[in-house]
Amino acid sequence: MEFYIYKNFWAPIREEYVYKYMIIGNIGKMRYISLIISSIIFSFGHRANNILYFTMYFFMALIPAIIYKKTGRVDICIAEHMLNNMVVVY
């Protein structure tokens, strides 16, 4: 149960706050570069140890990064991440 709560609640809040709000928010003036940097860091943060996993995590991070860049709302990214984890984790 603790694993489920962490993966579906706390991890998305922490990760989206760091990868979207802090990274894109701080280097956001570089427009699209900030989305790529954020997605690369997200991929490495999920221990993507081969090209397949790296690509998968990169695009899983890029979509909410674009959403954040367009809306400026990290809560939408958190909700998307929570929904994704609920589907994938269990």
PDB file of N, CA and C in Angstrom:
ATOM      1  N   MET A   1       0.817  -1.199   0.000  1.00  0.00           N
ATOM      2  CA  MET A   1       0.000   0.000   0.000  1.00  0.00           C
ATOM      3  C   MET A   1       0.860   1.262   0.000  1.00  0.00           C
ATOM      4  N   GLU A   2       1.939   1.277   0.792  1.00  0.00           N
ATOM      5  CA  GLU A   2       2.820   2.439   0.838  1.00  0.00           C
ATOM      6  C   GLU A   2       3.455   2.697  -0.523  1.00  0.00           C
ATOM      7  N   PHE A   3       3.852   1.612  -1.211  1.00  0.00           N
ATOM      8  CA  PHE A   3       4.435   1.735  -2.546  1.00  0.00           C
ATOM      9  C   PHE A   3       3.439   2.376  -3.506  1.00  0.00           C
ATOM     10  N   TYR A   4       2.196   1.957  -3.444  1.00  0.00           N
ATOM     11  CA  TYR A   4       1.147   2.477  -4.310  1.00  0.00           C
ATOM     12  C   TYR A   4       0.931   3.971  -4.052  1.00  0.00           C
ATOM     13  N   ILE A   5       0.880   4.367  -2.791  1.00  0.00           N
ATOM     14  CA  ILE A   5       0.692   5.776  -2.442  1.00  0.00           C
ATOM     15  C   ILE A   5       1.874   6.602  -2.917  1.00  0.00           C
ATOM     16  N   TYR A   6       3.088   6.080  -2.715  1.00  0.00           N
ATOM     17  CA  TYR A   6       4.280   6.818  -3.149  1.00  0.00           C
ATOM     18  C   TYR A   6       4.288   6.981  -4.662  1.00  0.00           C
ATOM     19  N   LYS A   7       4.128   5.888  -5.388  1.00  0.00           N
ATOM     20  CA  LYS A   7       4.213   5.926  -6.859  1.00  0.00           C
ATOM     21  C   LYS A   7       3.088   6.723  -7.498  1.00  0.00           C
ATOM     22  N   ASN A   8       1.927   6.709  -6.901  1.00  0.00           N
ATOM     23  CA  ASN A   8       0.785   7.356  -7.534  1.00  0.00           C
ATOM     24  C   ASN A   8       0.457   8.731  -6.971  1.00  0.00           C
ATOM     25  N   PHE A   9       1.079   9.106  -5.870  1.00  0.00           N
ATOM     26  CA  PHE A   9       0.766  10.410  -5.288  1.00  0.00           C
ATOM     27  C   PHE A   9       2.017  11.263  -5.087  1.00  0.00           C
ATOM     28  N   TRP A  10       2.921  10.810  -4.248  1.00  0.00           N
ATOM     29  CA  TRP A  10       4.078  11.639  -3.911  1.00  0.00           C
ATOM     30  C   TRP A  10       5.086  11.771  -5.043  1.00  0.00           C
ATOM     31  N   ALA A  11       5.388  10.692  -5.731  1.00  0.00           N
ATOM     32  CA  ALA A  11       6.382  10.755  -6.811  1.00  0.00           C
ATOM     33  C   ALA A  11       5.963  11.724  -7.916  1.00  0.00           C
ATOM     34  N   PRO A  12       4.727  11.660  -8.407  1.00  0.00           N
ATOM     35  CA  PRO A  12       4.345  12.620  -9.453  1.00  0.00           C
ATOM     36  C   PRO A  12       4.420  14.080  -9.001  1.00  0.00           C
ATOM     37  N   ILE A  13       4.037  14.343  -7.763  1.00  0.00           N
ATOM     38  CA  ILE A  13       4.115  15.722  -7.269  1.00  0.00           C
ATOM     39  C   ILE A  13       5.567  16.187  -7.236  1.00  0.00           C
ATOM     40  N   ARG A  14       6.416  15.374  -6.635  1.00  0.00           N
ATOM     41  CA  ARG A  14       7.836  15.731  -6.528  1.00  0.00           C
ATOM     42  C   ARG A  14       8.487  15.861  -7.908  1.00  0.00           C
ATOM     43  N   GLU A  15       8.276  14.867  -8.749  1.00  0.00           N
ATOM     44  CA  GLU A  15       8.937  14.863 -10.049  1.00  0.00           C
ATOM     45  C   GLU A  15       8.466  16.002 -10.943  1.00  0.00           C
ATOM     46  N   GLU A  16       7.188  16.230 -11.003  1.00  0.00           N
ATOM     47  CA  GLU A  16       6.693  17.297 -11.874  1.00  0.00           C
ATOM     48  C   GLU A  16       7.102  18.665 -11.343  1.00  0.00           C
ATOM     49  N   TYR A  17       7.127  18.802 -10.047  1.00  0.00           N
ATOM     50  CA  TYR A  17       7.585  20.073  -9.480  1.00  0.00           C
ATOM     51  C   TYR A  17       9.041  20.329  -9.866  1.00  0.00           C
ATOM     52  N   VAL A  18       9.880  19.315  -9.743  1.00  0.00           N
ATOM     53  CA  VAL A  18      11.307  19.476 -10.066  1.00  0.00           C
ATOM     54  C   VAL A  18      11.516  19.610 -11.572  1.00  0.00           C
ATOM     55  N   TYR A  19      11.009  18.645 -12.338  1.00  0.00           N
ATOM     56  CA  TYR A  19      11.325  18.590 -13.769  1.00  0.00           C
ATOM     57  C   TYR A  19      10.592  19.640 -14.596  1.00  0.00           C
ATOM     58  N   LYS A  20       9.438  20.044 -14.185  1.00  0.00           N
ATOM     59  CA  LYS A  20       8.697  21.044 -14.963  1.00  0.00           C
ATOM     60  C   LYS A  20       8.843  22.437 -14.350  1.00  0.00           C
ATOM     61  N   TYR A  21       8.351  22.585 -13.138  1.00  0.00           N
ATOM     62  CA  TYR A  21       8.308  23.906 -12.517  1.00  0.00           C
ATOM     63  C   TYR A  21       9.708  24.484 -12.303  1.00  0.00           C
ATOM     64  N   MET A  22      10.609  23.699 -11.729  1.00  0.00           N
ATOM     65  CA  MET A  22      11.929  24.228 -11.409  1.00  0.00           C
ATOM     66  C   MET A  22      12.840  24.307 -12.629  1.00  0.00           C
ATOM     67  N   ILE A  23      12.934  23.228 -13.397  1.00  0.00           N
ATOM     68  CA  ILE A  23      13.867  23.228 -14.530  1.00  0.00           C
ATOM     69  C   ILE A  23      13.349  24.095 -15.673  1.00  0.00           C
ATOM     70  N   ILE A  24      12.141  23.815 -16.140  1.00  0.00           N
ATOM     71  CA  ILE A  24      11.608  24.606 -17.247  1.00  0.00           C
ATOM     72  C   ILE A  24      11.369  26.044 -16.796  1.00  0.00           C
ATOM     73  N   GLY A  25      10.930  26.207 -15.567  1.00  0.00           N
ATOM     74  CA  GLY A  25      10.702  27.551 -15.046  1.00  0.00           C
ATOM     75  C   GLY A  25      11.964  28.389 -14.973  1.00  0.00           C
ATOM     76  N   ASN A  26      13.097  27.749 -14.661  1.00  0.00           N
ATOM     77  CA  ASN A  26      14.350  28.486 -14.530  1.00  0.00           C
ATOM     78  C   ASN A  26      15.098  28.670 -15.840  1.00  0.00           C
ATOM     79  N   ILE A  27      14.955  27.734 -16.753  1.00  0.00           N
ATOM     80  CA  ILE A  27      15.642  27.882 -18.044  1.00  0.00           C
ATOM     81  C   ILE A  27      14.636  28.033 -19.178  1.00  0.00           C
ATOM     82  N   GLY A  28      13.436  28.386 -18.821  1.00  0.00           N
ATOM     83  CA  GLY A  28      12.346  28.492 -19.784  1.00  0.00           C
ATOM     84  C   GLY A  28      12.534  29.542 -20.856  1.00  0.00           C
ATOM     85  N   LYS A  29      13.421  30.490 -20.632  1.00  0.00           N
ATOM     86  CA  LYS A  29      13.652  31.519 -21.646  1.00  0.00           C
ATOM     87  C   LYS A  29      14.296  30.933 -22.890  1.00  0.00           C
ATOM     88  N   MET A  30      14.865  29.738 -22.748  1.00  0.00           N
ATOM     89  CA  MET A  30      15.485  29.076 -23.893  1.00  0.00           C
ATOM     90  C   MET A  30      14.456  28.264 -24.684  1.00  0.00           C
ATOM     91  N   ARG A  31      13.204  28.532 -24.445  1.00  0.00           N
ATOM     92  CA  ARG A  31      12.061  27.951 -25.139  1.00  0.00           C
ATOM     93  C   ARG A  31      12.128  26.436 -25.238  1.00  0.00           C
ATOM     94  N   TYR A  32      12.390  25.911 -26.409  1.00  0.00           N
ATOM     95  CA  TYR A  32      12.296  24.478 -26.641  1.00  0.00           C
ATOM     96  C   TYR A  32      13.469  23.700 -26.050  1.00  0.00           C
ATOM     97  N   ILE A  33      14.605  24.337 -25.896  1.00  0.00           N
ATOM     98  CA  ILE A  33      15.754  23.679 -25.280  1.00  0.00           C
ATOM     99  C   ILE A  33      15.412  23.252 -23.858  1.00  0.00           C
ATOM    100  N   SER A  34      14.669  24.072 -23.137  1.00  0.00           N
ATOM    101  CA  SER A  34      14.300  23.734 -21.761  1.00  0.00           C
ATOM    102  C   SER A  34      13.435  22.478 -21.710  1.00  0.00           C
ATOM    103  N   LEU A  35      12.587  22.276 -22.707  1.00  0.00           N
ATOM    104  CA  LEU A  35      11.760  21.066 -22.756  1.00  0.00           C
ATOM    105  C   LEU A  35      12.629  19.831 -22.968  1.00  0.00           C
ATOM    106  N   ILE A  36      13.601  19.950 -23.832  1.00  0.00           N
ATOM    107  CA  ILE A  36      14.497  18.824 -24.125  1.00  0.00           C
ATOM    108  C   ILE A  36      15.373  18.513 -22.918  1.00  0.00           C
ATOM    109  N   ILE A  37      15.941  19.542 -22.303  1.00  0.00           N
ATOM    110  CA  ILE A  37      16.792  19.330 -21.124  1.00  0.00           C
ATOM    111  C   ILE A  37      15.996  18.682 -19.999  1.00  0.00           C
ATOM    112  N   SER A  38      14.800  19.182 -19.737  1.00  0.00           N
ATOM    113  CA  SER A  38      13.950  18.615 -18.702  1.00  0.00           C
ATOM    114  C   SER A  38      13.629  17.153 -18.980  1.00  0.00           C
ATOM    115  N   SER A  39      13.325  16.828 -20.216  1.00  0.00           N
ATOM    116  CA  SER A  39      12.978  15.445 -20.586  1.00  0.00           C
ATOM    117  C   SER A  39      14.178  14.514 -20.496  1.00  0.00           C
ATOM    118  N   ILE A  40      15.346  15.007 -20.849  1.00  0.00           N
ATOM    119  CA  ILE A  40      16.567  14.198 -20.727  1.00  0.00           C
ATOM    120  C   ILE A  40      16.861  13.909 -19.258  1.00  0.00           C
ATOM    121  N   ILE A  41      16.778  14.922 -18.417  1.00  0.00           N
ATOM    122  CA  ILE A  41      17.031  14.727 -16.988  1.00  0.00           C
ATOM    123  C   ILE A  41      16.001  13.775 -16.389  1.00  0.00           C
ATOM    124  N   PHE A  42      14.744  13.912 -16.794  1.00  0.00           N
ATOM    125  CA  PHE A  42      13.687  13.000 -16.343  1.00  0.00           C
ATOM    126  C   PHE A  42      14.032  11.558 -16.718  1.00  0.00           C
ATOM    127  N   SER A  43      14.497  11.343 -17.942  1.00  0.00           N
ATOM    128  CA  SER A  43      14.859   9.988 -18.396  1.00  0.00           C
ATOM    129  C   SER A  43      15.985   9.406 -17.565  1.00  0.00           C
ATOM    130  N   PHE A  44      17.028  10.187 -17.340  1.00  0.00           N
ATOM    131  CA  PHE A  44      18.134   9.704 -16.518  1.00  0.00           C
ATOM    132  C   PHE A  44      17.693   9.487 -15.075  1.00  0.00           C
ATOM    133  N   GLY A  45      16.789  10.310 -14.580  1.00  0.00           N
ATOM    134  CA  GLY A  45      16.280  10.166 -13.220  1.00  0.00           C
ATOM    135  C   GLY A  45      15.481   8.887 -13.018  1.00  0.00           C
ATOM    136  N   HIS A  46      14.997   8.311 -14.108  1.00  0.00           N
ATOM    137  CA  HIS A  46      14.251   7.055 -14.040  1.00  0.00           C
ATOM    138  C   HIS A  46      15.127   5.856 -14.425  1.00  0.00           C
ATOM    139  N   ARG A  47      16.431   6.067 -14.362  1.00  0.00           N
ATOM    140  CA  ARG A  47      17.410   5.001 -14.618  1.00  0.00           C
ATOM    141  C   ARG A  47      17.201   4.323 -15.969  1.00  0.00           C
ATOM    142  N   ALA A  48      16.951   5.129 -16.980  1.00  0.00           N
ATOM    143  CA  ALA A  48      16.795   4.586 -18.325  1.00  0.00           C
ATOM    144  C   ALA A  48      18.175   4.155 -18.811  1.00  0.00           C
ATOM    145  N   ASN A  49      18.452   2.851 -18.739  1.00  0.00           N
ATOM    146  CA  ASN A  49      19.793   2.347 -18.991  1.00  0.00           C
ATOM    147  C   ASN A  49      19.999   1.783 -20.396  1.00  0.00           C
ATOM    148  N   ASN A  50      19.016   1.922 -21.253  1.00  0.00           N
ATOM    149  CA  ASN A  50      19.226   1.575 -22.649  1.00  0.00           C
ATOM    150  C   ASN A  50      18.408   2.519 -23.516  1.00  0.00           C
ATOM    151  N   ILE A  51      18.657   2.491 -24.805  1.00  0.00           N
ATOM    152  CA  ILE A  51      18.054   3.470 -25.702  1.00  0.00           C
ATOM    153  C   ILE A  51      16.527   3.347 -25.756  1.00  0.00           C
ATOM    154  N   LEU A  52      16.010   2.144 -25.625  1.00  0.00           N
ATOM    155  CA  LEU A  52      14.563   1.953 -25.663  1.00  0.00           C
ATOM    156  C   LEU A  52      13.893   2.633 -24.463  1.00  0.00           C
ATOM    157  N   TYR A  53      14.391   2.348 -23.259  1.00  0.00           N
ATOM    158  CA  TYR A  53      13.820   2.962 -22.060  1.00  0.00           C
ATOM    159  C   TYR A  53      14.050   4.470 -22.037  1.00  0.00           C
ATOM    160  N   PHE A  54      15.242   4.883 -22.474  1.00  0.00           N
ATOM    161  CA  PHE A  54      15.522   6.312 -22.505  1.00  0.00           C
ATOM    162  C   PHE A  54      14.523   7.034 -23.412  1.00  0.00           C
ATOM    163  N   THR A  55      14.289   6.486 -24.592  1.00  0.00           N
ATOM    164  CA  THR A  55      13.346   7.087 -25.538  1.00  0.00           C
ATOM    165  C   THR A  55      11.931   7.099 -24.976  1.00  0.00           C
ATOM    166  N   MET A  56      11.537   6.001 -24.352  1.00  0.00           N
ATOM    167  CA  MET A  56      10.203   5.908 -23.773  1.00  0.00           C
ATOM    168  C   MET A  56      10.008   6.983 -22.695  1.00  0.00           C
ATOM    169  N   TYR A  57      10.947   7.087 -21.759  1.00  0.00           N
ATOM    170  CA  TYR A  57      10.831   8.080 -20.691  1.00  0.00           C
ATOM    171  C   TYR A  57      10.964   9.503 -21.232  1.00  0.00           C
ATOM    172  N   PHE A  58      11.790   9.675 -22.251  1.00  0.00           N
ATOM    173  CA  PHE A  58      11.957  10.999 -22.843  1.00  0.00           C
ATOM    174  C   PHE A  58      10.620  11.524 -23.375  1.00  0.00           C
ATOM    175  N   PHE A  59       9.922  10.697 -24.136  1.00  0.00           N
ATOM    176  CA  PHE A  59       8.650  11.146 -24.694  1.00  0.00           C
ATOM    177  C   PHE A  59       7.545  11.210 -23.639  1.00  0.00           C
ATOM    178  N   MET A  60       7.629  10.349 -22.620  1.00  0.00           N
ATOM    179  CA  MET A  60       6.672  10.443 -21.506  1.00  0.00           C
ATOM    180  C   MET A  60       6.847  11.757 -20.759  1.00  0.00           C
ATOM    181  N   ALA A  61       8.051  12.305 -20.771  1.00  0.00           N
ATOM    182  CA  ALA A  61       8.317  13.582 -20.111  1.00  0.00           C
ATOM    183  C   ALA A  61       8.072  14.764 -21.043  1.00  0.00           C
ATOM    184  N   LEU A  62       8.283  14.561 -22.324  1.00  0.00           N
ATOM    185  CA  LEU A  62       8.160  15.664 -23.272  1.00  0.00           C
ATOM    186  C   LEU A  62       6.718  16.153 -23.415  1.00  0.00           C
ATOM    187  N   ILE A  63       5.771  15.238 -23.409  1.00  0.00           N
ATOM    188  CA  ILE A  63       4.368  15.634 -23.578  1.00  0.00           C
ATOM    189  C   ILE A  63       3.900  16.556 -22.447  1.00  0.00           C
ATOM    190  N   PRO A  64       4.072  16.173 -21.173  1.00  0.00           N
ATOM    191  CA  PRO A  64       3.673  17.124 -20.120  1.00  0.00           C
ATOM    192  C   PRO A  64       4.544  18.384 -20.092  1.00  0.00           C
ATOM    193  N   ALA A  65       5.781  18.296 -20.566  1.00  0.00           N
ATOM    194  CA  ALA A  65       6.630  19.490 -20.627  1.00  0.00           C
ATOM    195  C   ALA A  65       6.036  20.507 -21.599  1.00  0.00           C
ATOM    196  N   ILE A  66       5.545  20.026 -22.728  1.00  0.00           N
ATOM    197  CA  ILE A  66       4.894  20.905 -23.700  1.00  0.00           C
ATOM    198  C   ILE A  66       3.620  21.494 -23.097  1.00  0.00           C
ATOM    199  N   ILE A  67       2.865  20.648 -22.406  1.00  0.00           N
ATOM    200  CA  ILE A  67       1.642  21.132 -21.746  1.00  0.00           C
ATOM    201  C   ILE A  67       1.987  22.220 -20.732  1.00  0.00           C
ATOM    202  N   TYR A  68       3.026  21.985 -19.934  1.00  0.00           N
ATOM    203  CA  TYR A  68       3.431  22.986 -18.942  1.00  0.00           C
ATOM    204  C   TYR A  68       3.870  24.278 -19.616  1.00  0.00           C
ATOM    205  N   LYS A  69       4.635  24.158 -20.689  1.00  0.00           N
ATOM    206  CA  LYS A  69       5.133  25.339 -21.392  1.00  0.00           C
ATOM    207  C   LYS A  69       3.971  26.174 -21.954  1.00  0.00           C
ATOM    208  N   LYS A  70       2.943  25.495 -22.426  1.00  0.00           N
ATOM    209  CA  LYS A  70       1.800  26.211 -23.021  1.00  0.00           C
ATOM    210  C   LYS A  70       0.851  26.778 -21.964  1.00  0.00           C
ATOM    211  N   THR A  71       0.663  26.061 -20.855  1.00  0.00           N
ATOM    212  CA  THR A  71      -0.328  26.487 -19.858  1.00  0.00           C
ATOM    213  C   THR A  71       0.289  27.171 -18.643  1.00  0.00           C
ATOM    214  N   GLY A  72       1.537  26.823 -18.313  1.00  0.00           N
ATOM    215  CA  GLY A  72       2.161  27.337 -17.101  1.00  0.00           C
ATOM    216  C   GLY A  72       1.609  26.703 -15.838  1.00  0.00           C
ATOM    217  N   ARG A  73       0.873  25.610 -15.997  1.00  0.00           N
ATOM    218  CA  ARG A  73       0.215  24.958 -14.847  1.00  0.00           C
ATOM    219  C   ARG A  73       0.844  23.590 -14.579  1.00  0.00           C
ATOM    220  N   VAL A  74       1.542  23.494 -13.473  1.00  0.00           N
ATOM    221  CA  VAL A  74       2.178  22.234 -13.106  1.00  0.00           C
ATOM    222  C   VAL A  74       1.141  21.227 -12.602  1.00  0.00           C
ATOM    223  N   ASP A  75      -0.006  21.691 -12.117  1.00  0.00           N
ATOM    224  CA  ASP A  75      -1.024  20.775 -11.601  1.00  0.00           C
ATOM    225  C   ASP A  75      -1.573  19.852 -12.691  1.00  0.00           C
ATOM    226  N   ILE A  76      -1.652  20.335 -13.920  1.00  0.00           N
ATOM    227  CA  ILE A  76      -2.088  19.486 -15.031  1.00  0.00           C
ATOM    228  C   ILE A  76      -1.065  18.380 -15.272  1.00  0.00           C
ATOM    229  N   CYS A  77       0.219  18.724 -15.209  1.00  0.00           N
ATOM    230  CA  CYS A  77       1.288  17.731 -15.394  1.00  0.00           C
ATOM    231  C   CYS A  77       1.263  16.695 -14.276  1.00  0.00           C
ATOM    232  N   ILE A  78       1.016  17.144 -13.054  1.00  0.00           N
ATOM    233  CA  ILE A  78       0.935  16.228 -11.915  1.00  0.00           C
ATOM    234  C   ILE A  78      -0.221  15.258 -12.106  1.00  0.00           C
ATOM    235  N   ALA A  79      -1.386  15.760 -12.519  1.00  0.00           N
ATOM    236  CA  ALA A  79      -2.558  14.898 -12.734  1.00  0.00           C
ATOM    237  C   ALA A  79      -2.287  13.875 -13.837  1.00  0.00           C
ATOM    238  N   GLU A  80      -1.650  14.302 -14.914  1.00  0.00           N
ATOM    239  CA  GLU A  80      -1.319  13.386 -16.009  1.00  0.00           C
ATOM    240  C   GLU A  80      -0.351  12.317 -15.537  1.00  0.00           C
ATOM    241  N   HIS A  81       0.632  12.711 -14.756  1.00  0.00           N
ATOM    242  CA  HIS A  81       1.626  11.776 -14.236  1.00  0.00           C
ATOM    243  C   HIS A  81       0.977  10.768 -13.283  1.00  0.00           C
ATOM    244  N   MET A  82       0.096  11.255 -12.413  1.00  0.00           N
ATOM    245  CA  MET A  82      -0.616  10.355 -11.496  1.00  0.00           C
ATOM    246  C   MET A  82      -1.446   9.336 -12.270  1.00  0.00           C
ATOM    247  N   LEU A  83      -2.179   9.803 -13.265  1.00  0.00           N
ATOM    248  CA  LEU A  83      -2.995   8.908 -14.083  1.00  0.00           C
ATOM    249  C   LEU A  83      -2.127   7.877 -14.800  1.00  0.00           C
ATOM    250  N   ASN A  84      -1.030   8.322 -15.359  1.00  0.00           N
ATOM    251  CA  ASN A  84      -0.115   7.406 -16.035  1.00  0.00           C
ATOM    252  C   ASN A  84       0.424   6.350 -15.072  1.00  0.00           C
ATOM    253  N   ASN A  85       0.846   6.768 -13.886  1.00  0.00           N
ATOM    254  CA  ASN A  85       1.373   5.809 -12.919  1.00  0.00           C
ATOM    255  C   ASN A  85       0.309   4.815 -12.459  1.00  0.00           C
ATOM    256  N   MET A  86      -0.916   5.277 -12.311  1.00  0.00           N
ATOM    257  CA  MET A  86      -1.990   4.369 -11.893  1.00  0.00           C
ATOM    258  C   MET A  86      -2.229   3.286 -12.930  1.00  0.00           C
ATOM    259  N   VAL A  87      -2.113   3.632 -14.183  1.00  0.00           N
ATOM    260  CA  VAL A  87      -2.312   2.668 -15.264  1.00  0.00           C
ATOM    261  C   VAL A  87      -1.111   1.727 -15.380  1.00  0.00           C
ATOM    262  N   VAL A  88       0.080   2.275 -15.290  1.00  0.00           N
ATOM    263  CA  VAL A  88       1.307   1.504 -15.524  1.00  0.00           C
ATOM    264  C   VAL A  88       1.724   0.669 -14.309  1.00  0.00           C
ATOM    265  N   VAL A  89       1.651   1.238 -13.113  1.00  0.00           N
ATOM    266  CA  VAL A  89       2.156   0.564 -11.929  1.00  0.00           C
ATOM    267  C   VAL A  89       1.301  -0.629 -11.550  1.00  0.00           C
ATOM    268  N   TYR A  90      -0.019  -0.526 -11.710  1.00  0.00           N
ATOM    269  CA  TYR A  90      -0.892  -1.643 -11.346  1.00  0.00           C
ATOM    270  C   TYR A  90      -1.801  -2.018 -12.457  1.00  0.00           C
TER     271      TYR A  90
END
